Amino acid sequence: MNSITVIEVSGKEWFDKYYGNSYCSFRIVVHYSDKSTISIRVPFQYGGSSSFLQYANEELKKSGIISSNAYSLYGYCAANGIVLVSHLQDKCLKRDVVAYGKGD
């Protein structure tokens, strides 16, 4: 059976000082036991700090990769023996955050 072993979520955040809002884009890489991976890029959108993990949870559910009743990504990973690796780089330039969420 091909099961998920690791979920990596890495993001970049930009803070709009004028309006006082945070924005982010991020990438999700899902590693399976057979060494295959699936990558998902999520484009520039409102939100930052830990909200990018909530967005990642929604993207993984929408893609059918994790259960649609998963309340949080932390909880889902803990309950299913999946390693969750997450990192958010803050204080980025807006253009870098926009580019990070786009395809190559």
PDB file of N, CA and C in Angstrom:
ATOM      1  N   MET A   1       0.848  -1.187   0.000  1.00  0.00           N
ATOM      2  CA  MET A   1       0.000   0.000   0.000  1.00  0.00           C
ATOM      3  C   MET A   1       0.887   1.243   0.000  1.00  0.00           C
ATOM      4  N   ASN A   2       0.551   2.206  -0.809  1.00  0.00           N
ATOM      5  CA  ASN A   2       1.303   3.440  -0.955  1.00  0.00           C
ATOM      6  C   ASN A   2       0.736   4.486   0.006  1.00  0.00           C
ATOM      7  N   SER A   3       1.432   4.735   1.113  1.00  0.00           N
ATOM      8  CA  SER A   3       0.918   5.672   2.100  1.00  0.00           C
ATOM      9  C   SER A   3       1.798   6.914   2.200  1.00  0.00           C
ATOM     10  N   ILE A   4       1.215   7.966   2.711  1.00  0.00           N
ATOM     11  CA  ILE A   4       1.948   9.218   2.893  1.00  0.00           C
ATOM     12  C   ILE A   4       2.896   9.064   4.072  1.00  0.00           C
ATOM     13  N   THR A   5       4.146   9.478   3.873  1.00  0.00           N
ATOM     14  CA  THR A   5       5.126   9.430   4.961  1.00  0.00           C
ATOM     15  C   THR A   5       5.470  10.830   5.477  1.00  0.00           C
ATOM     16  N   VAL A   6       5.559  11.803   4.573  1.00  0.00           N
ATOM     17  CA  VAL A   6       5.944  13.161   4.951  1.00  0.00           C
ATOM     18  C   VAL A   6       5.117  14.171   4.147  1.00  0.00           C
ATOM     19  N   ILE A   7       4.699  15.237   4.814  1.00  0.00           N
ATOM     20  CA  ILE A   7       4.085  16.374   4.142  1.00  0.00           C
ATOM     21  C   ILE A   7       4.937  17.592   4.485  1.00  0.00           C
ATOM     22  N   GLU A   8       5.452  18.243   3.445  1.00  0.00           N
ATOM     23  CA  GLU A   8       6.250  19.457   3.621  1.00  0.00           C
ATOM     24  C   GLU A   8       5.438  20.649   3.135  1.00  0.00           C
ATOM     25  N   VAL A   9       5.374  21.674   3.953  1.00  0.00           N
ATOM     26  CA  VAL A   9       4.698  22.906   3.568  1.00  0.00           C
ATOM     27  C   VAL A   9       5.686  24.048   3.790  1.00  0.00           C
ATOM     28  N   SER A  10       6.045  24.723   2.716  1.00  0.00           N
ATOM     29  CA  SER A  10       6.957  25.863   2.845  1.00  0.00           C
ATOM     30  C   SER A  10       6.308  27.071   2.190  1.00  0.00           C
ATOM     31  N   GLY A  11       6.423  28.198   2.865  1.00  0.00           N
ATOM     32  CA  GLY A  11       5.768  29.391   2.362  1.00  0.00           C
ATOM     33  C   GLY A  11       6.603  30.640   2.528  1.00  0.00           C
ATOM     34  N   LYS A  12       6.145  31.673   1.866  1.00  0.00           N
ATOM     35  CA  LYS A  12       6.753  33.000   1.975  1.00  0.00           C
ATOM     36  C   LYS A  12       5.637  33.984   2.312  1.00  0.00           C
ATOM     37  N   GLU A  13       5.981  34.962   3.133  1.00  0.00           N
ATOM     38  CA  GLU A  13       4.990  35.919   3.604  1.00  0.00           C
ATOM     39  C   GLU A  13       5.454  37.349   3.349  1.00  0.00           C
ATOM     40  N   TRP A  14       4.515  38.184   2.936  1.00  0.00           N
ATOM     41  CA  TRP A  14       4.757  39.616   2.768  1.00  0.00           C
ATOM     42  C   TRP A  14       3.744  40.369   3.614  1.00  0.00           C
ATOM     43  N   PHE A  15       4.222  41.374   4.333  1.00  0.00           N
ATOM     44  CA  PHE A  15       3.338  42.200   5.148  1.00  0.00           C
ATOM     45  C   PHE A  15       3.168  43.550   4.480  1.00  0.00           C
ATOM     46  N   ASP A  16       1.929  43.896   4.170  1.00  0.00           N
ATOM     47  CA  ASP A  16       1.589  45.180   3.570  1.00  0.00           C
ATOM     48  C   ASP A  16       1.469  46.207   4.700  1.00  0.00           C
ATOM     49  N   LYS A  17       2.491  47.007   4.871  1.00  0.00           N
ATOM     50  CA  LYS A  17       2.522  47.969   5.971  1.00  0.00           C
ATOM     51  C   LYS A  17       1.440  49.035   5.838  1.00  0.00           C
ATOM     52  N   TYR A  18       1.103  49.390   4.621  1.00  0.00           N
ATOM     53  CA  TYR A  18       0.116  50.443   4.406  1.00  0.00           C
ATOM     54  C   TYR A  18      -1.260  50.046   4.946  1.00  0.00           C
ATOM     55  N   TYR A  19      -1.709  48.828   4.584  1.00  0.00           N
ATOM     56  CA  TYR A  19      -3.032  48.356   5.014  1.00  0.00           C
ATOM     57  C   TYR A  19      -2.971  47.460   6.251  1.00  0.00           C
ATOM     58  N   GLY A  20      -1.776  47.029   6.628  1.00  0.00           N
ATOM     59  CA  GLY A  20      -1.626  46.192   7.822  1.00  0.00           C
ATOM     60  C   GLY A  20      -2.081  44.757   7.637  1.00  0.00           C
ATOM     61  N   ASN A  21      -1.948  44.218   6.428  1.00  0.00           N
ATOM     62  CA  ASN A  21      -2.382  42.845   6.145  1.00  0.00           C
ATOM     63  C   ASN A  21      -1.187  41.986   5.710  1.00  0.00           C
ATOM     64  N   SER A  22      -1.282  40.708   6.003  1.00  0.00           N
ATOM     65  CA  SER A  22      -0.267  39.754   5.559  1.00  0.00           C
ATOM     66  C   SER A  22      -0.789  38.950   4.380  1.00  0.00           C
ATOM     67  N   TYR A  23       0.123  38.584   3.489  1.00  0.00           N
ATOM     68  CA  TYR A  23      -0.190  37.776   2.316  1.00  0.00           C
ATOM     69  C   TYR A  23       0.868  36.690   2.206  1.00  0.00           C
ATOM     70  N   CYS A  24       0.499  35.570   1.619  1.00  0.00           N
ATOM     71  CA  CYS A  24       1.456  34.475   1.501  1.00  0.00           C
ATOM     72  C   CYS A  24       1.223  33.681   0.216  1.00  0.00           C
ATOM     73  N   SER A  25       2.194  32.891  -0.120  1.00  0.00           N
ATOM     74  CA  SER A  25       2.062  31.843  -1.132  1.00  0.00           C
ATOM     75  C   SER A  25       2.886  30.687  -0.588  1.00  0.00           C
ATOM     76  N   PHE A  26       2.568  29.495  -1.024  1.00  0.00           N
ATOM     77  CA  PHE A  26       3.296  28.357  -0.469  1.00  0.00           C
ATOM     78  C   PHE A  26       3.291  27.167  -1.406  1.00  0.00           C
ATOM     79  N   ARG A  27       4.130  26.224  -1.060  1.00  0.00           N
ATOM     80  CA  ARG A  27       4.261  24.982  -1.810  1.00  0.00           C
ATOM     81  C   ARG A  27       4.076  23.819  -0.848  1.00  0.00           C
ATOM     82  N   ILE A  28       3.416  22.788  -1.347  1.00  0.00           N
ATOM     83  CA  ILE A  28       3.213  21.568  -0.569  1.00  0.00           C
ATOM     84  C   ILE A  28       3.859  20.430  -1.342  1.00  0.00           C
ATOM     85  N   VAL A  29       4.647  19.624  -0.660  1.00  0.00           N
ATOM     86  CA  VAL A  29       5.220  18.426  -1.264  1.00  0.00           C
ATOM     87  C   VAL A  29       4.808  17.241  -0.387  1.00  0.00           C
ATOM     88  N   VAL A  30       4.131  16.285  -0.997  1.00  0.00           N
ATOM     89  CA  VAL A  30       3.679  15.083  -0.297  1.00  0.00           C
ATOM     90  C   VAL A  30       4.578  13.931  -0.722  1.00  0.00           C
ATOM     91  N   HIS A  31       5.202  13.291   0.262  1.00  0.00           N
ATOM     92  CA  HIS A  31       6.100  12.156   0.008  1.00  0.00           C
ATOM     93  C   HIS A  31       5.369  10.867   0.374  1.00  0.00           C
ATOM     94  N   TYR A  32       5.451   9.880  -0.515  1.00  0.00           N
ATOM     95  CA  TYR A  32       4.814   8.589  -0.295  1.00  0.00           C
ATOM     96  C   TYR A  32       5.846   7.516   0.030  1.00  0.00           C
ATOM     97  N   SER A  33       5.362   6.410   0.572  1.00  0.00           N
ATOM     98  CA  SER A  33       6.248   5.321   0.978  1.00  0.00           C
ATOM     99  C   SER A  33       7.005   4.694  -0.191  1.00  0.00           C
ATOM    100  N   ASP A  34       6.497   4.802  -1.401  1.00  0.00           N
ATOM    101  CA  ASP A  34       7.188   4.248  -2.569  1.00  0.00           C
ATOM    102  C   ASP A  34       8.179   5.250  -3.183  1.00  0.00           C
ATOM    103  N   LYS A  35       8.487   6.325  -2.428  1.00  0.00           N
ATOM    104  CA  LYS A  35       9.438   7.375  -2.835  1.00  0.00           C
ATOM    105  C   LYS A  35       8.889   8.333  -3.894  1.00  0.00           C
ATOM    106  N   SER A  36       7.628   8.223  -4.261  1.00  0.00           N
ATOM    107  CA  SER A  36       7.048   9.184  -5.200  1.00  0.00           C
ATOM    108  C   SER A  36       6.612  10.434  -4.434  1.00  0.00           C
ATOM    109  N   THR A  37       6.439  11.524  -5.160  1.00  0.00           N
ATOM    110  CA  THR A  37       6.005  12.776  -4.546  1.00  0.00           C
ATOM    111  C   THR A  37       4.948  13.457  -5.409  1.00  0.00           C
ATOM    112  N   ILE A  38       4.183  14.298  -4.764  1.00  0.00           N
ATOM    113  CA  ILE A  38       3.224  15.163  -5.441  1.00  0.00           C
ATOM    114  C   ILE A  38       3.498  16.575  -4.943  1.00  0.00           C
ATOM    115  N   SER A  39       3.552  17.530  -5.862  1.00  0.00           N
ATOM    116  CA  SER A  39       3.795  18.925  -5.493  1.00  0.00           C
ATOM    117  C   SER A  39       2.592  19.778  -5.859  1.00  0.00           C
ATOM    118  N   ILE A  40       2.257  20.703  -4.964  1.00  0.00           N
ATOM    119  CA  ILE A  40       1.153  21.629  -5.173  1.00  0.00           C
ATOM    120  C   ILE A  40       1.675  23.030  -4.860  1.00  0.00           C
ATOM    121  N   ARG A  41       1.415  23.964  -5.754  1.00  0.00           N
ATOM    122  CA  ARG A  41       1.757  25.368  -5.503  1.00  0.00           C
ATOM    123  C   ARG A  41       0.464  26.130  -5.254  1.00  0.00           C
ATOM    124  N   VAL A  42       0.494  26.960  -4.241  1.00  0.00           N
ATOM    125  CA  VAL A  42      -0.675  27.772  -3.923  1.00  0.00           C
ATOM    126  C   VAL A  42      -0.293  29.235  -4.127  1.00  0.00           C
ATOM    127  N   PRO A  43      -1.001  29.936  -5.001  1.00  0.00           N
ATOM    128  CA  PRO A  43      -0.622  31.302  -5.364  1.00  0.00           C
ATOM    129  C   PRO A  43      -0.839  32.319  -4.245  1.00  0.00           C
ATOM    130  N   PHE A  44      -0.330  33.499  -4.501  1.00  0.00           N
ATOM    131  CA  PHE A  44      -0.426  34.662  -3.620  1.00  0.00           C
ATOM    132  C   PHE A  44      -1.853  34.847  -3.141  1.00  0.00           C
ATOM    133  N   GLN A  45      -2.028  34.959  -1.810  1.00  0.00           N
ATOM    134  CA  GLN A  45      -3.350  35.143  -1.243  1.00  0.00           C
ATOM    135  C   GLN A  45      -3.251  35.790   0.132  1.00  0.00           C
ATOM    136  N   TYR A  46      -4.376  36.279   0.603  1.00  0.00           N
ATOM    137  CA  TYR A  46      -4.450  36.906   1.922  1.00  0.00           C
ATOM    138  C   TYR A  46      -4.143  35.874   2.996  1.00  0.00           C
ATOM    139  N   GLY A  47      -3.414  36.270   4.008  1.00  0.00           N
ATOM    140  CA  GLY A  47      -3.139  35.412   5.154  1.00  0.00           C
ATOM    141  C   GLY A  47      -1.656  35.210   5.341  1.00  0.00           C
ATOM    142  N   GLY A  48      -1.288  34.926   6.546  1.00  0.00           N
ATOM    143  CA  GLY A  48       0.110  34.690   6.859  1.00  0.00           C
ATOM    144  C   GLY A  48       0.203  33.956   8.172  1.00  0.00           C
ATOM    145  N   SER A  49       1.354  33.998   8.783  1.00  0.00           N
ATOM    146  CA  SER A  49       1.617  33.321  10.052  1.00  0.00           C
ATOM    147  C   SER A  49       1.197  31.854   9.942  1.00  0.00           C
ATOM    148  N   SER A  50       0.422  31.361  10.876  1.00  0.00           N
ATOM    149  CA  SER A  50       0.045  29.943  10.826  1.00  0.00           C
ATOM    150  C   SER A  50      -1.132  29.664   9.901  1.00  0.00           C
ATOM    151  N   SER A  51      -1.770  30.701   9.345  1.00  0.00           N
ATOM    152  CA  SER A  51      -2.911  30.459   8.463  1.00  0.00           C
ATOM    153  C   SER A  51      -2.494  29.715   7.199  1.00  0.00           C
ATOM    154  N   PHE A  52      -1.210  29.778   6.846  1.00  0.00           N
ATOM    155  CA  PHE A  52      -0.789  29.062   5.644  1.00  0.00           C
ATOM    156  C   PHE A  52      -0.931  27.555   5.837  1.00  0.00           C
ATOM    157  N   LEU A  53      -0.854  27.060   7.073  1.00  0.00           N
ATOM    158  CA  LEU A  53      -1.089  25.630   7.320  1.00  0.00           C
ATOM    159  C   LEU A  53      -2.571  25.288   7.199  1.00  0.00           C
ATOM    160  N   GLN A  54      -3.429  26.207   7.563  1.00  0.00           N
ATOM    161  CA  GLN A  54      -4.866  25.984   7.375  1.00  0.00           C
ATOM    162  C   GLN A  54      -5.193  25.938   5.890  1.00  0.00           C
ATOM    163  N   TYR A  55      -4.590  26.845   5.112  1.00  0.00           N
ATOM    164  CA  TYR A  55      -4.779  26.828   3.666  1.00  0.00           C
ATOM    165  C   TYR A  55      -4.232  25.530   3.063  1.00  0.00           C
ATOM    166  N   ALA A  56      -3.091  25.068   3.552  1.00  0.00           N
ATOM    167  CA  ALA A  56      -2.508  23.816   3.051  1.00  0.00           C
ATOM    168  C   ALA A  56      -3.446  22.647   3.337  1.00  0.00           C
ATOM    169  N   ASN A  57      -4.043  22.627   4.512  1.00  0.00           N
ATOM    170  CA  ASN A  57      -5.003  21.589   4.869  1.00  0.00           C
ATOM    171  C   ASN A  57      -6.163  21.574   3.878  1.00  0.00           C
ATOM    172  N   GLU A  58      -6.683  22.760   3.561  1.00  0.00           N
ATOM    173  CA  GLU A  58      -7.795  22.863   2.612  1.00  0.00           C
ATOM    174  C   GLU A  58      -7.383  22.419   1.207  1.00  0.00           C
ATOM    175  N   GLU A  59      -6.183  22.792   0.782  1.00  0.00           N
ATOM    176  CA  GLU A  59      -5.695  22.383  -0.545  1.00  0.00           C
ATOM    177  C   GLU A  59      -5.539  20.866  -0.634  1.00  0.00           C
ATOM    178  N   LEU A  60      -5.013  20.256   0.411  1.00  0.00           N
ATOM    179  CA  LEU A  60      -4.832  18.798   0.414  1.00  0.00           C
ATOM    180  C   LEU A  60      -6.173  18.068   0.425  1.00  0.00           C
ATOM    181  N   LYS A  61      -7.149  18.608   1.134  1.00  0.00           N
ATOM    182  CA  LYS A  61      -8.491  18.007   1.124  1.00  0.00           C
ATOM    183  C   LYS A  61      -9.139  18.176  -0.242  1.00  0.00           C
ATOM    184  N   LYS A  62      -9.014  19.371  -0.825  1.00  0.00           N
ATOM    185  CA  LYS A  62      -9.592  19.644  -2.142  1.00  0.00           C
ATOM    186  C   LYS A  62      -8.992  18.727  -3.206  1.00  0.00           C
ATOM    187  N   SER A  63      -7.711  18.415  -3.067  1.00  0.00           N
ATOM    188  CA  SER A  63      -7.020  17.543  -4.026  1.00  0.00           C
ATOM    189  C   SER A  63      -7.282  16.063  -3.764  1.00  0.00           C
ATOM    190  N   GLY A  64      -7.969  15.745  -2.666  1.00  0.00           N
ATOM    191  CA  GLY A  64      -8.269  14.353  -2.331  1.00  0.00           C
ATOM    192  C   GLY A  64      -7.081  13.596  -1.750  1.00  0.00           C
ATOM    193  N   ILE A  65      -6.066  14.307  -1.327  1.00  0.00           N
ATOM    194  CA  ILE A  65      -4.867  13.658  -0.796  1.00  0.00           C
ATOM    195  C   ILE A  65      -5.066  13.243   0.653  1.00  0.00           C
ATOM    196  N   ILE A  66      -5.777  14.071   1.419  1.00  0.00           N
ATOM    197  CA  ILE A  66      -6.089  13.708   2.795  1.00  0.00           C
ATOM    198  C   ILE A  66      -7.602  13.683   2.968  1.00  0.00           C
ATOM    199  N   SER A  67      -8.040  13.118   4.068  1.00  0.00           N
ATOM    200  CA  SER A  67      -9.454  12.967   4.362  1.00  0.00           C
ATOM    201  C   SER A  67     -10.162  14.315   4.438  1.00  0.00           C
ATOM    202  N   SER A  68     -11.352  14.360   3.894  1.00  0.00           N
ATOM    203  CA  SER A  68     -12.108  15.612   3.882  1.00  0.00           C
ATOM    204  C   SER A  68     -12.598  16.012   5.267  1.00  0.00           C
ATOM    205  N   ASN A  69     -12.518  15.111   6.248  1.00  0.00           N
ATOM    206  CA  ASN A  69     -12.941  15.466   7.601  1.00  0.00           C
ATOM    207  C   ASN A  69     -11.759  15.829   8.502  1.00  0.00           C
ATOM    208  N   ALA A  70     -10.576  16.026   7.908  1.00  0.00           N
ATOM    209  CA  ALA A  70      -9.401  16.425   8.687  1.00  0.00           C
ATOM    210  C   ALA A  70      -9.599  17.853   9.177  1.00  0.00           C
ATOM    211  N   TYR A  71      -9.654  18.018  10.494  1.00  0.00           N
ATOM    212  CA  TYR A  71      -9.878  19.342  11.068  1.00  0.00           C
ATOM    213  C   TYR A  71      -8.645  20.229  10.947  1.00  0.00           C
ATOM    214  N   SER A  72      -7.477  19.662  11.254  1.00  0.00           N
ATOM    215  CA  SER A  72      -6.233  20.420  11.128  1.00  0.00           C
ATOM    216  C   SER A  72      -5.162  19.516  10.533  1.00  0.00           C
ATOM    217  N   LEU A  73      -4.193  20.122   9.886  1.00  0.00           N
ATOM    218  CA  LEU A  73      -3.116  19.352   9.289  1.00  0.00           C
ATOM    219  C   LEU A  73      -2.253  18.709  10.371  1.00  0.00           C
ATOM    220  N   TYR A  74      -2.006  19.447  11.462  1.00  0.00           N
ATOM    221  CA  TYR A  74      -1.253  18.874  12.582  1.00  0.00           C
ATOM    222  C   TYR A  74      -1.939  17.616  13.108  1.00  0.00           C
ATOM    223  N   GLY A  75      -3.239  17.745  13.365  1.00  0.00           N
ATOM    224  CA  GLY A  75      -3.992  16.620  13.906  1.00  0.00           C
ATOM    225  C   GLY A  75      -4.039  15.437  12.963  1.00  0.00           C
ATOM    226  N   TYR A  76      -4.250  15.704  11.679  1.00  0.00           N
ATOM    227  CA  TYR A  76      -4.301  14.633  10.689  1.00  0.00           C
ATOM    228  C   TYR A  76      -2.976  13.883  10.635  1.00  0.00           C
ATOM    229  N   CYS A  77      -1.883  14.631  10.588  1.00  0.00           N
ATOM    230  CA  CYS A  77      -0.566  14.006  10.506  1.00  0.00           C
ATOM    231  C   CYS A  77      -0.254  13.199  11.770  1.00  0.00           C
ATOM    232  N   ALA A  78      -0.560  13.759  12.922  1.00  0.00           N
ATOM    233  CA  ALA A  78      -0.313  13.056  14.185  1.00  0.00           C
ATOM    234  C   ALA A  78      -1.113  11.753  14.260  1.00  0.00           C
ATOM    235  N   ALA A  79      -2.368  11.791  13.859  1.00  0.00           N
ATOM    236  CA  ALA A  79      -3.240  10.616  13.927  1.00  0.00           C
ATOM    237  C   ALA A  79      -2.849   9.529  12.932  1.00  0.00           C
ATOM    238  N   ASN A  80      -2.163   9.916  11.845  1.00  0.00           N
ATOM    239  CA  ASN A  80      -1.838   8.954  10.793  1.00  0.00           C
ATOM    240  C   ASN A  80      -0.345   8.648  10.669  1.00  0.00           C
ATOM    241  N   GLY A  81       0.440   9.058  11.644  1.00  0.00           N
ATOM    242  CA  GLY A  81       1.870   8.758  11.639  1.00  0.00           C
ATOM    243  C   GLY A  81       2.643   9.415  10.502  1.00  0.00           C
ATOM    244  N   ILE A  82       2.215  10.604  10.120  1.00  0.00           N
ATOM    245  CA  ILE A  82       2.849  11.347   9.025  1.00  0.00           C
ATOM    246  C   ILE A  82       3.708  12.450   9.622  1.00  0.00           C
ATOM    247  N   VAL A  83       4.915  12.594   9.113  1.00  0.00           N
ATOM    248  CA  VAL A  83       5.796  13.671   9.553  1.00  0.00           C
ATOM    249  C   VAL A  83       5.369  14.949   8.830  1.00  0.00           C
ATOM    250  N   LEU A  84       5.115  16.009   9.605  1.00  0.00           N
ATOM    251  CA  LEU A  84       4.754  17.305   9.039  1.00  0.00           C
ATOM    252  C   LEU A  84       5.928  18.252   9.210  1.00  0.00           C
ATOM    253  N   VAL A  85       6.425  18.771   8.099  1.00  0.00           N
ATOM    254  CA  VAL A  85       7.520  19.733   8.111  1.00  0.00           C
ATOM    255  C   VAL A  85       6.971  21.032   7.539  1.00  0.00           C
ATOM    256  N   SER A  86       7.069  22.116   8.319  1.00  0.00           N
ATOM    257  CA  SER A  86       6.547  23.383   7.822  1.00  0.00           C
ATOM    258  C   SER A  86       7.530  24.514   8.109  1.00  0.00           C
ATOM    259  N   HIS A  87       7.550  25.454   7.199  1.00  0.00           N
ATOM    260  CA  HIS A  87       8.431  26.610   7.341  1.00  0.00           C
ATOM    261  C   HIS A  87       7.803  27.780   6.606  1.00  0.00           C
ATOM    262  N   LEU A  88       7.790  28.943   7.269  1.00  0.00           N
ATOM    263  CA  LEU A  88       7.293  30.164   6.655  1.00  0.00           C
ATOM    264  C   LEU A  88       8.377  31.228   6.763  1.00  0.00           C
ATOM    265  N   GLN A  89       8.806  31.730   5.633  1.00  0.00           N
ATOM    266  CA  GLN A  89       9.803  32.798   5.602  1.00  0.00           C
ATOM    267  C   GLN A  89       9.061  34.122   5.592  1.00  0.00           C
ATOM    268  N   ASP A  90       9.261  34.921   6.619  1.00  0.00           N
ATOM    269  CA  ASP A  90       8.561  36.210   6.680  1.00  0.00           C
ATOM    270  C   ASP A  90       9.473  37.336   6.196  1.00  0.00           C
ATOM    271  N   LYS A  91       8.916  38.530   6.157  1.00  0.00           N
ATOM    272  CA  LYS A  91       9.629  39.735   5.723  1.00  0.00           C
ATOM    273  C   LYS A  91      10.152  39.629   4.285  1.00  0.00           C
ATOM    274  N   CYS A  92       9.399  38.973   3.439  1.00  0.00           N
ATOM    275  CA  CYS A  92       9.776  38.843   2.026  1.00  0.00           C
ATOM    276  C   CYS A  92       9.224  40.022   1.237  1.00  0.00           C
ATOM    277  N   LEU A  93       9.787  40.246   0.079  1.00  0.00           N
ATOM    278  CA  LEU A  93       9.255  41.246  -0.835  1.00  0.00           C
ATOM    279  C   LEU A  93       8.002  40.683  -1.511  1.00  0.00           C
ATOM    280  N   LYS A  94       7.075  41.564  -1.842  1.00  0.00           N
ATOM    281  CA  LYS A  94       5.828  41.125  -2.477  1.00  0.00           C
ATOM    282  C   LYS A  94       6.110  40.346  -3.758  1.00  0.00           C
ATOM    283  N   ARG A  95       7.030  40.844  -4.595  1.00  0.00           N
ATOM    284  CA  ARG A  95       7.309  40.169  -5.862  1.00  0.00           C
ATOM    285  C   ARG A  95       7.849  38.753  -5.652  1.00  0.00           C
ATOM    286  N   ASP A  96       8.608  38.543  -4.561  1.00  0.00           N
ATOM    287  CA  ASP A  96       9.131  37.204  -4.275  1.00  0.00           C
ATOM    288  C   ASP A  96       8.024  36.258  -3.829  1.00  0.00           C
ATOM    289  N   VAL A  97       7.076  36.767  -3.061  1.00  0.00           N
ATOM    290  CA  VAL A  97       5.946  35.947  -2.604  1.00  0.00           C
ATOM    291  C   VAL A  97       5.052  35.581  -3.784  1.00  0.00           C
ATOM    292  N   VAL A  98       4.793  36.535  -4.658  1.00  0.00           N
ATOM    293  CA  VAL A  98       3.974  36.265  -5.852  1.00  0.00           C
ATOM    294  C   VAL A  98       4.662  35.219  -6.722  1.00  0.00           C
ATOM    295  N   ALA A  99       5.963  35.371  -6.962  1.00  0.00           N
ATOM    296  CA  ALA A  99       6.699  34.424  -7.810  1.00  0.00           C
ATOM    297  C   ALA A  99       6.769  33.029  -7.193  1.00  0.00           C
ATOM    298  N   TYR A 100       6.854  32.941  -5.879  1.00  0.00           N
ATOM    299  CA  TYR A 100       6.968  31.641  -5.208  1.00  0.00           C
ATOM    300  C   TYR A 100       5.743  30.763  -5.447  1.00  0.00           C
ATOM    301  N   GLY A 101       4.581  31.403  -5.557  1.00  0.00           N
ATOM    302  CA  GLY A 101       3.350  30.650  -5.771  1.00  0.00           C
ATOM    303  C   GLY A 101       3.054  30.295  -7.208  1.00  0.00           C
ATOM    304  N   LYS A 102       3.840  30.850  -8.128  1.00  0.00           N
ATOM    305  CA  LYS A 102       3.632  30.547  -9.545  1.00  0.00           C
ATOM    306  C   LYS A 102       4.453  29.341  -9.958  1.00  0.00           C
ATOM    307  N   GLY A 103       4.073  28.751 -11.084  1.00  0.00           N
ATOM    308  CA  GLY A 103       4.825  27.637 -11.655  1.00  0.00           C
ATOM    309  C   GLY A 103       6.163  28.092 -12.187  1.00  0.00           C
ATOM    310  N   ASP A 104       7.020  27.140 -12.457  1.00  0.00           N
ATOM    311  CA  ASP A 104       8.369  27.448 -12.983  1.00  0.00           C
ATOM    312  C   ASP A 104       8.343  28.010 -14.368  1.00  0.00           C
TER     313      ASP A 104
END
